[in-house]
Amino acid sequence: MNRVLNNEAIGLLAIQSVLSYLGSLSVANAYLIIPLAFDKKIRSYLKRKGTSVLSAQELVTSKSDYFIGFNEKFTDYLIITSNAISMGIELGLFSIEDSVLTYTNYTISSDDYLGKKFGDITLASENLSKFLTSEPEELYSLLRLKI
């Protein structure tokens, strides 16, 4: 069931949504978007209007219980993230050069209702983009990711 609800299409839209705020992002940090956006607790917190992320360090410290087992989530979503990035490049939604994913200003219309989950991801994207502004080494260490 996880595969049906958390698929490459929603992942592609999540990456595009975050990139629309940042313009460009290291590929290493892009690999964090889907595990963060697909986690219900993290997504619910980030989508709130009253939530303002100052830094990744601040968020992980204040909500450390949300990040328990994050390494497993990251590992589970590696293939979905790789496929979503490949699809986005093929569709012309973003490009990749020198390990940087760049937004191309071409968007998939989200005029149609794409579901509550995607709506929540869109609302969380601004705070998620602030979280991802740190250097990849810092984020991976902070999240205790093992590659």
C-alpha atoms as a PDB file:
ATOM      1  CA  MET A   1       0.000   0.000   0.000  1.00  0.00           C
ATOM      2  CA  ASN A   2       2.898   2.364   0.725  1.00  0.00           C
ATOM      3  CA  ARG A   3       4.013   2.083  -2.887  1.00  0.00           C
ATOM      4  CA  VAL A   4       0.585   3.119  -4.205  1.00  0.00           C
ATOM      5  CA  LEU A   5       0.218   6.189  -2.012  1.00  0.00           C
ATOM      6  CA  ASN A   6       3.830   7.353  -2.104  1.00  0.00           C
ATOM      7  CA  ASN A   7       4.810   7.097  -5.713  1.00  0.00           C
ATOM      8  CA  GLU A   8       7.090   8.801  -8.178  1.00  0.00           C
ATOM      9  CA  ALA A   9       4.385  11.138  -9.503  1.00  0.00           C
ATOM     10  CA  ILE A  10       3.648  12.657  -6.099  1.00  0.00           C
ATOM     11  CA  GLY A  11       7.407  12.694  -5.401  1.00  0.00           C
ATOM     12  CA  LEU A  12       8.056  14.530  -8.651  1.00  0.00           C
ATOM     13  CA  LEU A  13       5.467  17.153  -7.720  1.00  0.00           C
ATOM     14  CA  ALA A  14       6.979  17.466  -4.223  1.00  0.00           C
ATOM     15  CA  ILE A  15      10.455  18.089  -5.673  1.00  0.00           C
ATOM     16  CA  GLN A  16       9.035  20.594  -8.147  1.00  0.00           C
ATOM     17  CA  SER A  17       7.151  22.390  -5.378  1.00  0.00           C
ATOM     18  CA  VAL A  18      10.281  22.776  -3.223  1.00  0.00           C
ATOM     19  CA  LEU A  19      12.407  23.823  -6.212  1.00  0.00           C
ATOM     20  CA  SER A  20       9.879  26.533  -7.057  1.00  0.00           C
ATOM     21  CA  TYR A  21      10.920  28.259  -3.800  1.00  0.00           C
ATOM     22  CA  LEU A  22      14.658  27.646  -4.065  1.00  0.00           C
ATOM     23  CA  GLY A  23      15.374  27.803  -7.790  1.00  0.00           C
ATOM     24  CA  SER A  24      18.149  25.244  -7.444  1.00  0.00           C
ATOM     25  CA  LEU A  25      19.259  22.647  -4.944  1.00  0.00           C
ATOM     26  CA  SER A  26      22.073  20.146  -4.627  1.00  0.00           C
ATOM     27  CA  VAL A  27      21.061  16.666  -5.721  1.00  0.00           C
ATOM     28  CA  ALA A  28      22.110  15.345  -2.305  1.00  0.00           C
ATOM     29  CA  ASN A  29      19.581  17.635  -0.612  1.00  0.00           C
ATOM     30  CA  ALA A  30      16.944  16.829  -3.240  1.00  0.00           C
ATOM     31  CA  TYR A  31      17.111  13.221  -2.054  1.00  0.00           C
ATOM     32  CA  LEU A  32      15.761  14.405   1.312  1.00  0.00           C
ATOM     33  CA  ILE A  33      12.592  15.998  -0.103  1.00  0.00           C
ATOM     34  CA  ILE A  34      10.525  12.855  -0.602  1.00  0.00           C
ATOM     35  CA  PRO A  35      11.285  11.193   2.761  1.00  0.00           C
ATOM     36  CA  LEU A  36      10.537  14.478   4.540  1.00  0.00           C
ATOM     37  CA  ALA A  37       7.419  15.317   2.515  1.00  0.00           C
ATOM     38  CA  PHE A  38       5.975  11.797   2.684  1.00  0.00           C
ATOM     39  CA  ASP A  39       6.321  11.577   6.488  1.00  0.00           C
ATOM     40  CA  LYS A  40       2.911  12.518   7.883  1.00  0.00           C
ATOM     41  CA  LYS A  41       4.163  14.022  11.170  1.00  0.00           C
ATOM     42  CA  ILE A  42       6.815  16.162   9.496  1.00  0.00           C
ATOM     43  CA  ARG A  43       4.482  17.230   6.669  1.00  0.00           C
ATOM     44  CA  SER A  44       1.681  18.126   9.085  1.00  0.00           C
ATOM     45  CA  TYR A  45       4.012  20.261  11.171  1.00  0.00           C
ATOM     46  CA  LEU A  46       5.609  22.028   8.196  1.00  0.00           C
ATOM     47  CA  LYS A  47       2.278  22.865   6.528  1.00  0.00           C
ATOM     48  CA  ARG A  48       0.896  24.838   9.502  1.00  0.00           C
ATOM     49  CA  LYS A  49       0.626  28.569   8.980  1.00  0.00           C
ATOM     50  CA  GLY A  50       2.167  29.212  12.399  1.00  0.00           C
ATOM     51  CA  THR A  51       5.262  27.118  11.649  1.00  0.00           C
ATOM     52  CA  SER A  52       8.374  29.003  10.659  1.00  0.00           C
ATOM     53  CA  VAL A  53      11.544  27.018  10.099  1.00  0.00           C
ATOM     54  CA  LEU A  54      14.632  29.003  10.998  1.00  0.00           C
ATOM     55  CA  SER A  55      17.122  26.236  10.256  1.00  0.00           C
ATOM     56  CA  ALA A  56      17.420  22.489   9.950  1.00  0.00           C
ATOM     57  CA  GLN A  57      19.245  22.380  13.285  1.00  0.00           C
ATOM     58  CA  GLU A  58      16.396  24.204  15.028  1.00  0.00           C
ATOM     59  CA  LEU A  59      13.725  21.937  13.547  1.00  0.00           C
ATOM     60  CA  VAL A  60      15.504  18.656  14.279  1.00  0.00           C
ATOM     61  CA  THR A  61      16.314  19.794  17.814  1.00  0.00           C
ATOM     62  CA  SER A  62      12.800  21.022  18.634  1.00  0.00           C
ATOM     63  CA  LYS A  63      10.999  18.082  16.983  1.00  0.00           C
ATOM     64  CA  SER A  64      13.530  15.296  17.460  1.00  0.00           C
ATOM     65  CA  ASP A  65      10.811  12.664  17.911  1.00  0.00           C
ATOM     66  CA  TYR A  66       9.661  13.310  14.314  1.00  0.00           C
ATOM     67  CA  PHE A  67      13.051  12.194  12.990  1.00  0.00           C
ATOM     68  CA  ILE A  68      13.338   8.866  14.802  1.00  0.00           C
ATOM     69  CA  GLY A  69      13.977   6.172  12.186  1.00  0.00           C
ATOM     70  CA  PHE A  70      14.565   8.704   9.433  1.00  0.00           C
ATOM     71  CA  ASN A  71      17.495   6.700   8.031  1.00  0.00           C
ATOM     72  CA  GLU A  72      15.132   3.818   7.209  1.00  0.00           C
ATOM     73  CA  LYS A  73      12.649   6.190   5.539  1.00  0.00           C
ATOM     74  CA  PHE A  74      15.463   7.724   3.523  1.00  0.00           C
ATOM     75  CA  THR A  75      16.649   4.290   2.383  1.00  0.00           C
ATOM     76  CA  ASP A  76      13.108   3.173   1.527  1.00  0.00           C
ATOM     77  CA  TYR A  77      12.593   6.185  -0.759  1.00  0.00           C
ATOM     78  CA  LEU A  78      15.928   6.136  -2.617  1.00  0.00           C
ATOM     79  CA  ILE A  79      14.507   4.420  -5.701  1.00  0.00           C
ATOM     80  CA  ILE A  80      11.347   6.542  -5.764  1.00  0.00           C
ATOM     81  CA  THR A  81      13.446   9.706  -5.482  1.00  0.00           C
ATOM     82  CA  SER A  82      15.813   8.588  -8.244  1.00  0.00           C
ATOM     83  CA  ASN A  83      12.883   7.798 -10.515  1.00  0.00           C
ATOM     84  CA  ALA A  84      11.116  11.079  -9.694  1.00  0.00           C
ATOM     85  CA  ILE A  85      14.250  13.100 -10.490  1.00  0.00           C
ATOM     86  CA  SER A  86      14.722  11.202 -13.755  1.00  0.00           C
ATOM     87  CA  MET A  87      11.082  11.788 -14.695  1.00  0.00           C
ATOM     88  CA  GLY A  88      11.361  15.495 -13.889  1.00  0.00           C
ATOM     89  CA  ILE A  89      14.412  15.853 -16.110  1.00  0.00           C
ATOM     90  CA  GLU A  90      12.713  13.921 -18.944  1.00  0.00           C
ATOM     91  CA  LEU A  91       9.590  16.101 -18.650  1.00  0.00           C
ATOM     92  CA  GLY A  92      11.651  19.304 -18.620  1.00  0.00           C
ATOM     93  CA  LEU A  93      10.537  20.325 -15.125  1.00  0.00           C
ATOM     94  CA  PHE A  94      14.107  20.703 -13.932  1.00  0.00           C
ATOM     95  CA  SER A  95      17.622  20.142 -15.159  1.00  0.00           C
ATOM     96  CA  ILE A  96      20.757  18.782 -13.566  1.00  0.00           C
ATOM     97  CA  GLU A  97      24.282  20.062 -13.993  1.00  0.00           C
ATOM     98  CA  ASP A  98      27.316  19.770 -11.716  1.00  0.00           C
ATOM     99  CA  SER A  99      25.270  17.952  -9.038  1.00  0.00           C
ATOM    100  CA  VAL A 100      22.729  20.785  -8.863  1.00  0.00           C
ATOM    101  CA  LEU A 101      19.066  20.358  -9.655  1.00  0.00           C
ATOM    102  CA  THR A 102      17.649  23.546 -11.211  1.00  0.00           C
ATOM    103  CA  TYR A 103      14.010  24.585 -11.608  1.00  0.00           C
ATOM    104  CA  THR A 104      13.119  25.361 -15.226  1.00  0.00           C
ATOM    105  CA  ASN A 105       9.979  27.463 -14.570  1.00  0.00           C
ATOM    106  CA  TYR A 106       7.914  24.902 -16.447  1.00  0.00           C
ATOM    107  CA  THR A 107       5.225  23.627 -14.124  1.00  0.00           C
ATOM    108  CA  ILE A 108       2.628  20.941 -14.210  1.00  0.00           C
ATOM    109  CA  SER A 109      -0.693  22.672 -13.712  1.00  0.00           C
ATOM    110  CA  SER A 110      -2.056  22.058 -10.257  1.00  0.00           C
ATOM    111  CA  ASP A 111      -5.402  23.700 -11.006  1.00  0.00           C
ATOM    112  CA  ASP A 112      -7.075  20.344 -10.600  1.00  0.00           C
ATOM    113  CA  TYR A 113      -7.424  18.865  -7.159  1.00  0.00           C
ATOM    114  CA  LEU A 114      -4.682  16.270  -6.780  1.00  0.00           C
ATOM    115  CA  GLY A 115      -5.652  15.072  -3.321  1.00  0.00           C
ATOM    116  CA  LYS A 116      -5.170  16.094   0.287  1.00  0.00           C
ATOM    117  CA  LYS A 117      -1.676  14.660   0.488  1.00  0.00           C
ATOM    118  CA  PHE A 118      -0.392  16.721  -2.421  1.00  0.00           C
ATOM    119  CA  GLY A 119      -2.165  19.795  -1.058  1.00  0.00           C
ATOM    120  CA  ASP A 120      -0.405  19.282   2.271  1.00  0.00           C
ATOM    121  CA  ILE A 121       2.957  18.819   0.533  1.00  0.00           C
ATOM    122  CA  THR A 122       2.428  22.061  -1.365  1.00  0.00           C
ATOM    123  CA  LEU A 123       1.652  23.902   1.889  1.00  0.00           C
ATOM    124  CA  ALA A 124       4.738  22.383   3.557  1.00  0.00           C
ATOM    125  CA  SER A 125       7.077  23.197   0.647  1.00  0.00           C
ATOM    126  CA  GLU A 126       8.068  26.686   1.774  1.00  0.00           C
ATOM    127  CA  ASN A 127       9.192  25.504   5.214  1.00  0.00           C
ATOM    128  CA  LEU A 128      10.759  22.409   3.671  1.00  0.00           C
ATOM    129  CA  SER A 129      12.769  24.612   1.326  1.00  0.00           C
ATOM    130  CA  LYS A 130      14.120  26.560   4.318  1.00  0.00           C
ATOM    131  CA  PHE A 131      15.126  23.277   5.950  1.00  0.00           C
ATOM    132  CA  LEU A 132      17.055  22.246   2.829  1.00  0.00           C
ATOM    133  CA  THR A 133      19.202  25.386   2.546  1.00  0.00           C
ATOM    134  CA  SER A 134      21.904  23.849   4.751  1.00  0.00           C
ATOM    135  CA  GLU A 135      24.892  22.087   3.239  1.00  0.00           C
ATOM    136  CA  PRO A 136      24.328  18.384   2.441  1.00  0.00           C
ATOM    137  CA  GLU A 137      27.059  17.256   4.832  1.00  0.00           C
ATOM    138  CA  GLU A 138      25.395  19.157   7.675  1.00  0.00           C
ATOM    139  CA  LEU A 139      21.922  17.798   6.889  1.00  0.00           C
ATOM    140  CA  TYR A 140      23.019  14.195   6.485  1.00  0.00           C
ATOM    141  CA  SER A 141      24.973  14.365   9.738  1.00  0.00           C
ATOM    142  CA  LEU A 142      22.106  16.081  11.560  1.00  0.00           C
ATOM    143  CA  LEU A 143      19.638  13.451  10.355  1.00  0.00           C
ATOM    144  CA  ARG A 144      22.143  10.675  11.118  1.00  0.00           C
ATOM    145  CA  LEU A 145      21.914   9.210   7.651  1.00  0.00           C
ATOM    146  CA  LYS A 146      24.135   6.309   6.706  1.00  0.00           C
ATOM    147  CA  ILE A 147      24.837   5.816   3.040  1.00  0.00           C
END
